[in-house]
Amino acid sequence: MKTPKAPKLRSVLTALALVAAPGAVVMGTAGEAAAVTKISHATATSMFSQVGITWSSSGGCSNRNVSTCTSFDQLNLATAQGAQTLKRASGCALNITGGTETGHASGTYSHWNGYKLDYSKTTCVGNYIKNTFTYIGVRGDGAQQWRSGSGNVYADEGNHWDVTYYNCGGC
């Protein structure tokens, strides 16, 4: 006797993501191992505003195709949730200075692909990362790195924190 199949994980995650972030768009193929939910700039800024996260741009703009802008267009939902988790857990002021705009290094887990955010360096944020997460050594470009319990990686790039979100950080 066959047992009924459980609903596909992708369908369940998609439904949950759309409840958590109205206006979210699910990207990916049916055969993909892990579906990634992409959100709009407006959805991301709303999520950040809800918890008191600010953002700034050297160009005063949000155009994804201009390197001096700070854009959240095509940001992964888990990345935005990870920022919310960091803000709530640390209690620090958090200012995002880099999102999905062009001009960052390429790669699978890149800014352009929605996995990374850059944050302004503050004593509060630095102390929280260094005292809470595990130091994992120096990245190829010389940046010191710390890994959170959930696996996200925080790299000290000198004038800002470069964070790679593989998940929402325990949201």
N, C-alpha and C. Protein backbone atom coordinates (compact mmCIF):
# COMPACT_ATOMS: atom_id res chain seq x y z
N MET A 1 0.85 -1.17 0.00
CA MET A 1 0.00 0.00 0.00
C MET A 1 0.90 1.24 0.00
N LYS A 2 0.59 2.17 -0.88
CA LYS A 2 1.37 3.39 -0.96
C LYS A 2 0.90 4.36 0.12
N THR A 3 1.88 5.05 0.70
CA THR A 3 1.52 6.10 1.66
C THR A 3 1.43 7.41 0.90
N PRO A 4 0.51 8.28 1.32
CA PRO A 4 0.39 9.56 0.61
C PRO A 4 1.68 10.37 0.76
N LYS A 5 2.04 11.09 -0.30
CA LYS A 5 3.24 11.91 -0.26
C LYS A 5 2.97 13.18 0.55
N ALA A 6 3.99 13.57 1.31
CA ALA A 6 3.90 14.83 2.04
C ALA A 6 4.02 15.97 1.05
N PRO A 7 3.45 17.15 1.38
CA PRO A 7 3.58 18.28 0.46
C PRO A 7 5.06 18.59 0.24
N LYS A 8 5.37 19.02 -0.94
CA LYS A 8 6.75 19.35 -1.25
C LYS A 8 7.22 20.49 -0.37
N LEU A 9 8.46 20.37 0.11
CA LEU A 9 9.04 21.38 0.98
C LEU A 9 9.01 22.75 0.33
N ARG A 10 9.31 22.81 -0.96
CA ARG A 10 9.31 24.09 -1.67
C ARG A 10 7.95 24.78 -1.56
N SER A 11 6.87 24.02 -1.72
CA SER A 11 5.53 24.60 -1.65
C SER A 11 5.25 25.17 -0.28
N VAL A 12 5.65 24.43 0.73
CA VAL A 12 5.43 24.88 2.11
C VAL A 12 6.26 26.13 2.38
N LEU A 13 7.54 26.12 2.00
CA LEU A 13 8.40 27.28 2.22
C LEU A 13 7.90 28.50 1.45
N THR A 14 7.45 28.28 0.24
CA THR A 14 6.92 29.38 -0.56
C THR A 14 5.71 30.01 0.12
N ALA A 15 4.81 29.18 0.59
CA ALA A 15 3.62 29.69 1.27
C ALA A 15 4.00 30.47 2.51
N LEU A 16 4.93 29.94 3.29
CA LEU A 16 5.37 30.64 4.50
C LEU A 16 6.05 31.96 4.15
N ALA A 17 6.88 31.97 3.13
CA ALA A 17 7.59 33.18 2.73
C ALA A 17 6.62 34.26 2.29
N LEU A 18 5.61 33.88 1.56
CA LEU A 18 4.66 34.87 1.07
C LEU A 18 3.81 35.44 2.19
N VAL A 19 3.58 34.67 3.23
CA VAL A 19 2.87 35.19 4.40
C VAL A 19 3.78 36.15 5.15
N ALA A 20 5.05 35.80 5.29
CA ALA A 20 6.01 36.62 6.03
C ALA A 20 6.36 37.89 5.29
N ALA A 21 6.39 37.85 3.97
CA ALA A 21 6.80 39.01 3.18
C ALA A 21 5.89 39.16 1.97
N PRO A 22 4.73 39.78 2.18
CA PRO A 22 3.84 39.98 1.04
C PRO A 22 4.57 40.72 -0.07
N GLY A 23 4.35 40.31 -1.28
CA GLY A 23 5.02 40.92 -2.41
C GLY A 23 6.31 40.21 -2.78
N ALA A 24 6.67 39.17 -2.04
CA ALA A 24 7.88 38.42 -2.33
C ALA A 24 7.69 37.62 -3.60
N VAL A 25 8.78 37.38 -4.29
CA VAL A 25 8.76 36.61 -5.52
C VAL A 25 9.64 35.39 -5.31
N VAL A 26 9.15 34.22 -5.65
CA VAL A 26 9.94 33.00 -5.50
C VAL A 26 10.65 32.73 -6.81
N MET A 27 11.99 32.56 -6.72
CA MET A 27 12.80 32.30 -7.89
C MET A 27 13.36 30.90 -7.80
N GLY A 28 13.64 30.30 -8.92
CA GLY A 28 14.29 29.00 -8.92
C GLY A 28 13.57 28.03 -9.83
N THR A 29 14.18 26.87 -9.97
CA THR A 29 13.59 25.85 -10.83
C THR A 29 13.00 24.74 -9.97
N ALA A 30 12.13 23.96 -10.54
CA ALA A 30 11.47 22.89 -9.80
C ALA A 30 12.45 21.87 -9.26
N GLY A 31 13.56 21.64 -9.94
CA GLY A 31 14.53 20.65 -9.50
C GLY A 31 15.57 21.18 -8.53
N GLU A 32 15.48 22.45 -8.21
CA GLU A 32 16.47 23.07 -7.34
C GLU A 32 16.38 22.50 -5.93
N ALA A 33 17.51 22.28 -5.29
CA ALA A 33 17.55 21.68 -3.95
C ALA A 33 16.95 22.62 -2.91
N ALA A 34 17.27 23.88 -3.00
CA ALA A 34 16.76 24.84 -2.03
C ALA A 34 16.25 26.07 -2.77
N ALA A 35 14.97 26.30 -2.72
CA ALA A 35 14.39 27.46 -3.38
C ALA A 35 14.78 28.72 -2.62
N VAL A 36 15.03 29.78 -3.35
CA VAL A 36 15.39 31.06 -2.76
C VAL A 36 14.26 32.03 -3.05
N THR A 37 13.77 32.68 -2.04
CA THR A 37 12.71 33.66 -2.21
C THR A 37 13.33 35.05 -2.32
N LYS A 38 13.08 35.71 -3.44
CA LYS A 38 13.58 37.06 -3.69
C LYS A 38 12.52 38.07 -3.30
N ILE A 39 12.97 39.20 -2.76
CA ILE A 39 12.03 40.26 -2.39
C ILE A 39 12.41 41.56 -3.10
N SER A 40 11.47 42.47 -3.11
CA SER A 40 11.68 43.76 -3.75
C SER A 40 12.38 44.72 -2.78
N HIS A 41 12.88 45.82 -3.34
CA HIS A 41 13.49 46.87 -2.52
C HIS A 41 12.48 47.38 -1.49
N ALA A 42 11.25 47.59 -1.94
CA ALA A 42 10.21 48.11 -1.04
C ALA A 42 9.91 47.15 0.10
N THR A 43 9.83 45.86 -0.20
CA THR A 43 9.57 44.87 0.86
C THR A 43 10.72 44.85 1.85
N ALA A 44 11.96 44.88 1.36
CA ALA A 44 13.13 44.86 2.24
C ALA A 44 13.16 46.10 3.14
N THR A 45 12.94 47.28 2.56
CA THR A 45 13.00 48.49 3.39
C THR A 45 11.89 48.49 4.44
N SER A 46 10.74 47.93 4.10
CA SER A 46 9.67 47.81 5.08
C SER A 46 10.08 46.89 6.22
N MET A 47 10.69 45.75 5.88
CA MET A 47 11.15 44.81 6.90
C MET A 47 12.22 45.45 7.79
N PHE A 48 13.13 46.20 7.18
CA PHE A 48 14.19 46.84 7.96
C PHE A 48 13.61 47.93 8.87
N SER A 49 12.69 48.72 8.34
CA SER A 49 12.07 49.79 9.14
C SER A 49 11.33 49.23 10.35
N GLN A 50 10.71 48.06 10.20
CA GLN A 50 9.95 47.45 11.29
C GLN A 50 10.78 47.23 12.54
N VAL A 51 12.10 47.01 12.37
CA VAL A 51 12.96 46.73 13.53
C VAL A 51 13.98 47.83 13.79
N GLY A 52 13.89 48.93 13.06
CA GLY A 52 14.78 50.06 13.31
C GLY A 52 16.13 50.00 12.61
N ILE A 53 16.23 49.20 11.55
CA ILE A 53 17.47 49.17 10.75
C ILE A 53 17.42 50.31 9.75
N THR A 54 18.53 51.04 9.65
CA THR A 54 18.62 52.13 8.67
C THR A 54 19.50 51.67 7.51
N TRP A 55 19.52 52.45 6.45
CA TRP A 55 20.37 52.18 5.31
C TRP A 55 20.79 53.50 4.71
N SER A 56 21.94 53.49 4.06
CA SER A 56 22.45 54.70 3.44
C SER A 56 23.17 54.34 2.15
N SER A 57 23.35 55.34 1.30
CA SER A 57 23.95 55.15 0.00
C SER A 57 24.85 56.33 -0.29
N SER A 58 26.07 56.07 -0.73
CA SER A 58 26.98 57.17 -1.05
C SER A 58 26.43 58.00 -2.22
N GLY A 59 25.62 57.36 -3.07
CA GLY A 59 25.03 58.07 -4.21
C GLY A 59 23.64 58.59 -3.94
N GLY A 60 23.08 58.30 -2.75
CA GLY A 60 21.73 58.77 -2.42
C GLY A 60 20.67 58.15 -3.30
N CYS A 61 20.84 56.85 -3.65
CA CYS A 61 19.93 56.23 -4.60
C CYS A 61 19.76 54.74 -4.28
N SER A 62 18.86 54.09 -5.01
CA SER A 62 18.62 52.65 -4.78
C SER A 62 18.59 51.84 -6.07
N ASN A 63 19.19 52.36 -7.12
CA ASN A 63 19.22 51.68 -8.41
C ASN A 63 20.22 50.53 -8.37
N ARG A 64 19.75 49.33 -8.57
CA ARG A 64 20.57 48.11 -8.52
C ARG A 64 21.73 48.13 -9.52
N ASN A 65 21.59 48.86 -10.60
CA ASN A 65 22.60 48.88 -11.65
C ASN A 65 23.62 50.02 -11.52
N VAL A 66 23.58 50.73 -10.40
CA VAL A 66 24.53 51.82 -10.14
C VAL A 66 25.30 51.49 -8.87
N SER A 67 26.62 51.40 -8.98
CA SER A 67 27.44 50.92 -7.86
C SER A 67 27.44 51.84 -6.64
N THR A 68 27.14 53.12 -6.81
CA THR A 68 27.12 54.04 -5.66
C THR A 68 25.77 54.06 -4.95
N CYS A 69 24.82 53.28 -5.43
CA CYS A 69 23.51 53.16 -4.80
C CYS A 69 23.53 52.02 -3.78
N THR A 70 22.54 51.98 -2.91
CA THR A 70 22.32 50.83 -2.04
C THR A 70 20.94 50.30 -2.38
N SER A 71 20.94 49.13 -3.02
CA SER A 71 19.69 48.52 -3.48
C SER A 71 19.43 47.22 -2.74
N PHE A 72 18.15 46.93 -2.55
CA PHE A 72 17.73 45.65 -1.98
C PHE A 72 16.87 44.87 -2.96
N ASP A 73 16.81 45.33 -4.21
CA ASP A 73 16.04 44.64 -5.23
C ASP A 73 16.67 43.26 -5.47
N GLN A 74 15.87 42.20 -5.43
CA GLN A 74 16.31 40.81 -5.60
C GLN A 74 17.08 40.28 -4.38
N LEU A 75 16.92 40.92 -3.23
CA LEU A 75 17.52 40.42 -1.99
C LEU A 75 16.81 39.13 -1.59
N ASN A 76 17.53 38.18 -1.04
CA ASN A 76 16.90 36.96 -0.54
C ASN A 76 16.11 37.29 0.72
N LEU A 77 14.94 36.72 0.84
CA LEU A 77 14.12 36.92 2.03
C LEU A 77 14.91 36.54 3.28
N ALA A 78 15.63 35.43 3.23
CA ALA A 78 16.41 34.99 4.39
C ALA A 78 17.48 36.01 4.78
N THR A 79 18.02 36.74 3.82
CA THR A 79 19.03 37.76 4.11
C THR A 79 18.38 38.92 4.87
N ALA A 80 17.22 39.36 4.42
CA ALA A 80 16.51 40.43 5.13
C ALA A 80 16.13 39.98 6.54
N GLN A 81 15.67 38.74 6.65
CA GLN A 81 15.33 38.20 7.98
C GLN A 81 16.57 38.08 8.85
N GLY A 82 17.71 37.74 8.24
CA GLY A 82 18.96 37.66 8.98
C GLY A 82 19.37 39.00 9.55
N ALA A 83 19.15 40.06 8.79
CA ALA A 83 19.44 41.42 9.28
C ALA A 83 18.53 41.73 10.48
N GLN A 84 17.25 41.37 10.36
CA GLN A 84 16.33 41.58 11.48
C GLN A 84 16.78 40.80 12.72
N THR A 85 17.23 39.57 12.52
CA THR A 85 17.71 38.75 13.63
C THR A 85 18.91 39.39 14.29
N LEU A 86 19.87 39.88 13.49
CA LEU A 86 21.06 40.55 14.03
C LEU A 86 20.66 41.77 14.85
N LYS A 87 19.76 42.56 14.33
CA LYS A 87 19.30 43.77 15.03
C LYS A 87 18.66 43.41 16.37
N ARG A 88 17.75 42.44 16.34
CA ARG A 88 17.05 42.05 17.57
C ARG A 88 18.00 41.44 18.60
N ALA A 89 18.88 40.56 18.14
CA ALA A 89 19.78 39.85 19.05
C ALA A 89 20.85 40.76 19.64
N SER A 90 21.37 41.67 18.83
CA SER A 90 22.48 42.52 19.29
C SER A 90 22.00 43.75 20.05
N GLY A 91 20.84 44.26 19.68
CA GLY A 91 20.35 45.51 20.28
C GLY A 91 21.12 46.72 19.79
N CYS A 92 21.99 46.53 18.81
CA CYS A 92 22.83 47.61 18.28
C CYS A 92 22.11 48.40 17.20
N ALA A 93 22.53 49.65 17.02
CA ALA A 93 22.10 50.41 15.85
C ALA A 93 22.71 49.71 14.65
N LEU A 94 21.93 49.54 13.60
CA LEU A 94 22.41 48.83 12.42
C LEU A 94 22.12 49.68 11.19
N ASN A 95 23.17 49.99 10.42
CA ASN A 95 23.02 50.76 9.19
C ASN A 95 23.60 49.96 8.04
N ILE A 96 22.78 49.69 7.03
CA ILE A 96 23.21 48.94 5.86
C ILE A 96 23.78 49.90 4.83
N THR A 97 24.97 49.58 4.34
CA THR A 97 25.63 50.43 3.34
C THR A 97 25.81 49.74 2.00
N GLY A 98 25.49 48.45 1.93
CA GLY A 98 25.62 47.72 0.68
C GLY A 98 24.61 46.60 0.61
N GLY A 99 24.00 46.47 -0.56
CA GLY A 99 22.99 45.44 -0.76
C GLY A 99 23.26 44.68 -2.04
N THR A 100 22.29 44.68 -2.94
CA THR A 100 22.37 43.88 -4.16
C THR A 100 22.85 44.67 -5.38
N GLU A 101 23.31 45.88 -5.17
CA GLU A 101 23.76 46.70 -6.30
C GLU A 101 25.05 46.15 -6.92
N THR A 102 25.27 46.52 -8.16
CA THR A 102 26.47 46.11 -8.89
C THR A 102 27.70 46.72 -8.23
N GLY A 103 28.85 46.11 -8.52
CA GLY A 103 30.10 46.68 -8.01
C GLY A 103 30.77 45.85 -6.93
N HIS A 104 30.09 44.82 -6.44
CA HIS A 104 30.68 43.94 -5.43
C HIS A 104 31.30 42.73 -6.14
N ALA A 105 32.07 41.94 -5.38
CA ALA A 105 32.66 40.72 -5.93
C ALA A 105 31.55 39.77 -6.40
N SER A 106 31.85 38.99 -7.42
CA SER A 106 30.87 38.04 -7.95
C SER A 106 30.96 36.72 -7.21
N GLY A 107 30.10 35.79 -7.56
CA GLY A 107 30.10 34.47 -6.97
C GLY A 107 28.70 34.04 -6.60
N THR A 108 28.55 32.77 -6.29
CA THR A 108 27.23 32.23 -5.95
C THR A 108 26.63 32.96 -4.76
N TYR A 109 27.39 33.10 -3.68
CA TYR A 109 26.89 33.73 -2.45
C TYR A 109 27.33 35.19 -2.40
N SER A 110 26.90 35.94 -3.40
CA SER A 110 27.34 37.31 -3.58
C SER A 110 26.25 38.32 -3.21
N HIS A 111 26.66 39.59 -3.21
CA HIS A 111 25.70 40.69 -3.03
C HIS A 111 24.66 40.63 -4.15
N TRP A 112 25.13 40.55 -5.40
CA TRP A 112 24.24 40.57 -6.56
C TRP A 112 23.18 39.47 -6.48
N ASN A 113 23.58 38.30 -5.97
CA ASN A 113 22.65 37.17 -5.87
C ASN A 113 21.80 37.19 -4.61
N GLY A 114 21.94 38.25 -3.80
CA GLY A 114 21.03 38.45 -2.67
C GLY A 114 21.45 37.85 -1.35
N TYR A 115 22.68 37.33 -1.26
CA TYR A 115 23.12 36.66 -0.04
C TYR A 115 23.87 37.56 0.93
N LYS A 116 24.27 38.76 0.52
CA LYS A 116 25.14 39.58 1.35
C LYS A 116 24.59 40.97 1.62
N LEU A 117 24.94 41.48 2.79
CA LEU A 117 24.70 42.87 3.15
C LEU A 117 25.98 43.41 3.77
N ASP A 118 26.23 44.71 3.57
CA ASP A 118 27.32 45.40 4.25
C ASP A 118 26.72 46.30 5.32
N TYR A 119 27.39 46.35 6.48
CA TYR A 119 26.94 47.19 7.60
C TYR A 119 28.04 48.16 7.99
N SER A 120 27.63 49.35 8.42
CA SER A 120 28.58 50.30 8.99
C SER A 120 29.21 49.69 10.22
N LYS A 121 30.47 50.01 10.45
CA LYS A 121 31.15 49.51 11.64
C LYS A 121 30.85 50.42 12.83
N THR A 122 30.41 49.80 13.90
CA THR A 122 30.24 50.50 15.16
C THR A 122 30.83 49.62 16.25
N THR A 123 31.15 50.22 17.38
CA THR A 123 31.70 49.46 18.50
C THR A 123 30.71 48.40 18.95
N CYS A 124 29.44 48.76 19.01
CA CYS A 124 28.41 47.83 19.47
C CYS A 124 28.34 46.59 18.56
N VAL A 125 28.26 46.81 17.26
CA VAL A 125 28.15 45.70 16.32
C VAL A 125 29.43 44.85 16.37
N GLY A 126 30.58 45.48 16.36
CA GLY A 126 31.85 44.76 16.40
C GLY A 126 31.99 43.90 17.65
N ASN A 127 31.65 44.48 18.80
CA ASN A 127 31.73 43.73 20.06
C ASN A 127 30.75 42.56 20.06
N TYR A 128 29.56 42.78 19.54
CA TYR A 128 28.57 41.70 19.50
C TYR A 128 29.08 40.54 18.65
N ILE A 129 29.55 40.83 17.44
CA ILE A 129 30.03 39.78 16.54
C ILE A 129 31.20 39.03 17.16
N LYS A 130 32.18 39.76 17.65
CA LYS A 130 33.41 39.15 18.16
C LYS A 130 33.19 38.38 19.47
N ASN A 131 32.22 38.80 20.26
CA ASN A 131 31.97 38.15 21.55
C ASN A 131 30.91 37.06 21.49
N THR A 132 30.17 36.99 20.39
CA THR A 132 29.06 36.03 20.29
C THR A 132 29.36 34.91 19.31
N PHE A 133 30.04 35.23 18.24
CA PHE A 133 30.27 34.26 17.18
C PHE A 133 31.68 33.65 17.28
N THR A 134 31.93 32.63 16.49
CA THR A 134 33.20 31.89 16.52
C THR A 134 34.15 32.42 15.44
N TYR A 135 35.35 32.79 15.87
CA TYR A 135 36.36 33.24 14.92
C TYR A 135 36.78 32.06 14.06
N ILE A 136 36.78 32.24 12.73
CA ILE A 136 37.10 31.11 11.84
C ILE A 136 38.30 31.39 10.95
N GLY A 137 39.01 32.47 11.19
CA GLY A 137 40.23 32.74 10.44
C GLY A 137 40.08 33.84 9.41
N VAL A 138 41.12 33.94 8.61
CA VAL A 138 41.23 35.02 7.64
C VAL A 138 40.79 34.54 6.25
N ARG A 139 39.97 35.34 5.62
CA ARG A 139 39.51 35.06 4.26
C ARG A 139 40.66 35.32 3.28
N GLY A 140 40.55 34.85 2.07
CA GLY A 140 41.58 35.02 1.05
C GLY A 140 42.04 36.45 0.83
N ASP A 141 41.12 37.40 1.04
CA ASP A 141 41.46 38.82 0.83
C ASP A 141 42.01 39.47 2.10
N GLY A 142 42.20 38.68 3.17
CA GLY A 142 42.76 39.21 4.41
C GLY A 142 41.73 39.61 5.46
N ALA A 143 40.45 39.54 5.15
CA ALA A 143 39.41 39.92 6.11
C ALA A 143 39.26 38.83 7.18
N GLN A 144 39.24 39.24 8.45
CA GLN A 144 38.98 38.30 9.54
C GLN A 144 37.50 37.94 9.52
N GLN A 145 37.20 36.67 9.86
CA GLN A 145 35.82 36.17 9.77
C GLN A 145 35.36 35.51 11.06
N TRP A 146 34.05 35.66 11.31
CA TRP A 146 33.38 34.99 12.42
C TRP A 146 32.15 34.29 11.88
N ARG A 147 31.82 33.12 12.43
CA ARG A 147 30.64 32.37 12.00
C ARG A 147 29.64 32.31 13.15
N SER A 148 28.39 32.62 12.83
CA SER A 148 27.32 32.53 13.82
C SER A 148 26.94 31.07 14.03
N GLY A 149 26.18 30.79 15.07
CA GLY A 149 25.73 29.43 15.34
C GLY A 149 24.89 28.86 14.21
N SER A 150 24.25 29.72 13.44
CA SER A 150 23.41 29.26 12.32
C SER A 150 24.21 29.09 11.04
N GLY A 151 25.47 29.53 11.04
CA GLY A 151 26.32 29.34 9.87
C GLY A 151 26.57 30.57 9.02
N ASN A 152 25.95 31.69 9.34
CA ASN A 152 26.19 32.92 8.58
C ASN A 152 27.59 33.43 8.91
N VAL A 153 28.23 34.09 7.94
CA VAL A 153 29.62 34.51 8.10
C VAL A 153 29.74 36.03 8.07
N TYR A 154 30.44 36.55 9.08
CA TYR A 154 30.65 37.99 9.27
C TYR A 154 32.12 38.29 9.02
N ALA A 155 32.42 39.09 8.00
CA ALA A 155 33.80 39.41 7.65
C ALA A 155 34.08 40.89 7.90
N ASP A 156 35.16 41.16 8.61
CA ASP A 156 35.59 42.54 8.88
C ASP A 156 36.43 43.00 7.70
N GLU A 157 35.84 43.85 6.86
CA GLU A 157 36.54 44.34 5.67
C GLU A 157 37.21 45.69 5.91
N GLY A 158 37.46 46.02 7.17
CA GLY A 158 38.18 47.25 7.49
C GLY A 158 37.25 48.40 7.79
N ASN A 159 36.52 48.88 6.79
CA ASN A 159 35.63 50.02 7.02
C ASN A 159 34.16 49.62 7.10
N HIS A 160 33.87 48.33 7.00
CA HIS A 160 32.49 47.85 7.15
C HIS A 160 32.50 46.34 7.40
N TRP A 161 31.34 45.83 7.84
CA TRP A 161 31.14 44.39 7.99
C TRP A 161 30.47 43.87 6.74
N ASP A 162 30.99 42.80 6.17
CA ASP A 162 30.44 42.13 5.00
C ASP A 162 29.85 40.81 5.51
N VAL A 163 28.54 40.66 5.43
CA VAL A 163 27.88 39.50 6.02
C VAL A 163 27.25 38.63 4.94
N THR A 164 27.56 37.34 4.98
CA THR A 164 26.96 36.38 4.06
C THR A 164 25.90 35.60 4.82
N TYR A 165 24.66 35.72 4.35
CA TYR A 165 23.52 35.04 4.98
C TYR A 165 23.15 33.79 4.18
N TYR A 166 23.41 32.64 4.77
CA TYR A 166 22.99 31.37 4.18
C TYR A 166 21.58 31.02 4.65
N ASN A 167 21.13 31.69 5.72
CA ASN A 167 19.81 31.47 6.31
C ASN A 167 19.43 32.70 7.13
N CYS A 168 18.30 32.65 7.77
CA CYS A 168 17.79 33.83 8.47
C CYS A 168 18.39 34.02 9.86
N GLY A 169 19.29 33.17 10.26
CA GLY A 169 19.96 33.36 11.54
C GLY A 169 19.14 32.96 12.74
N GLY A 170 18.16 32.10 12.55
CA GLY A 170 17.35 31.66 13.67
C GLY A 170 16.06 32.45 13.85
N CYS A 171 15.58 33.02 12.78
CA CYS A 171 14.37 33.84 12.85
C CYS A 171 13.15 33.02 13.27
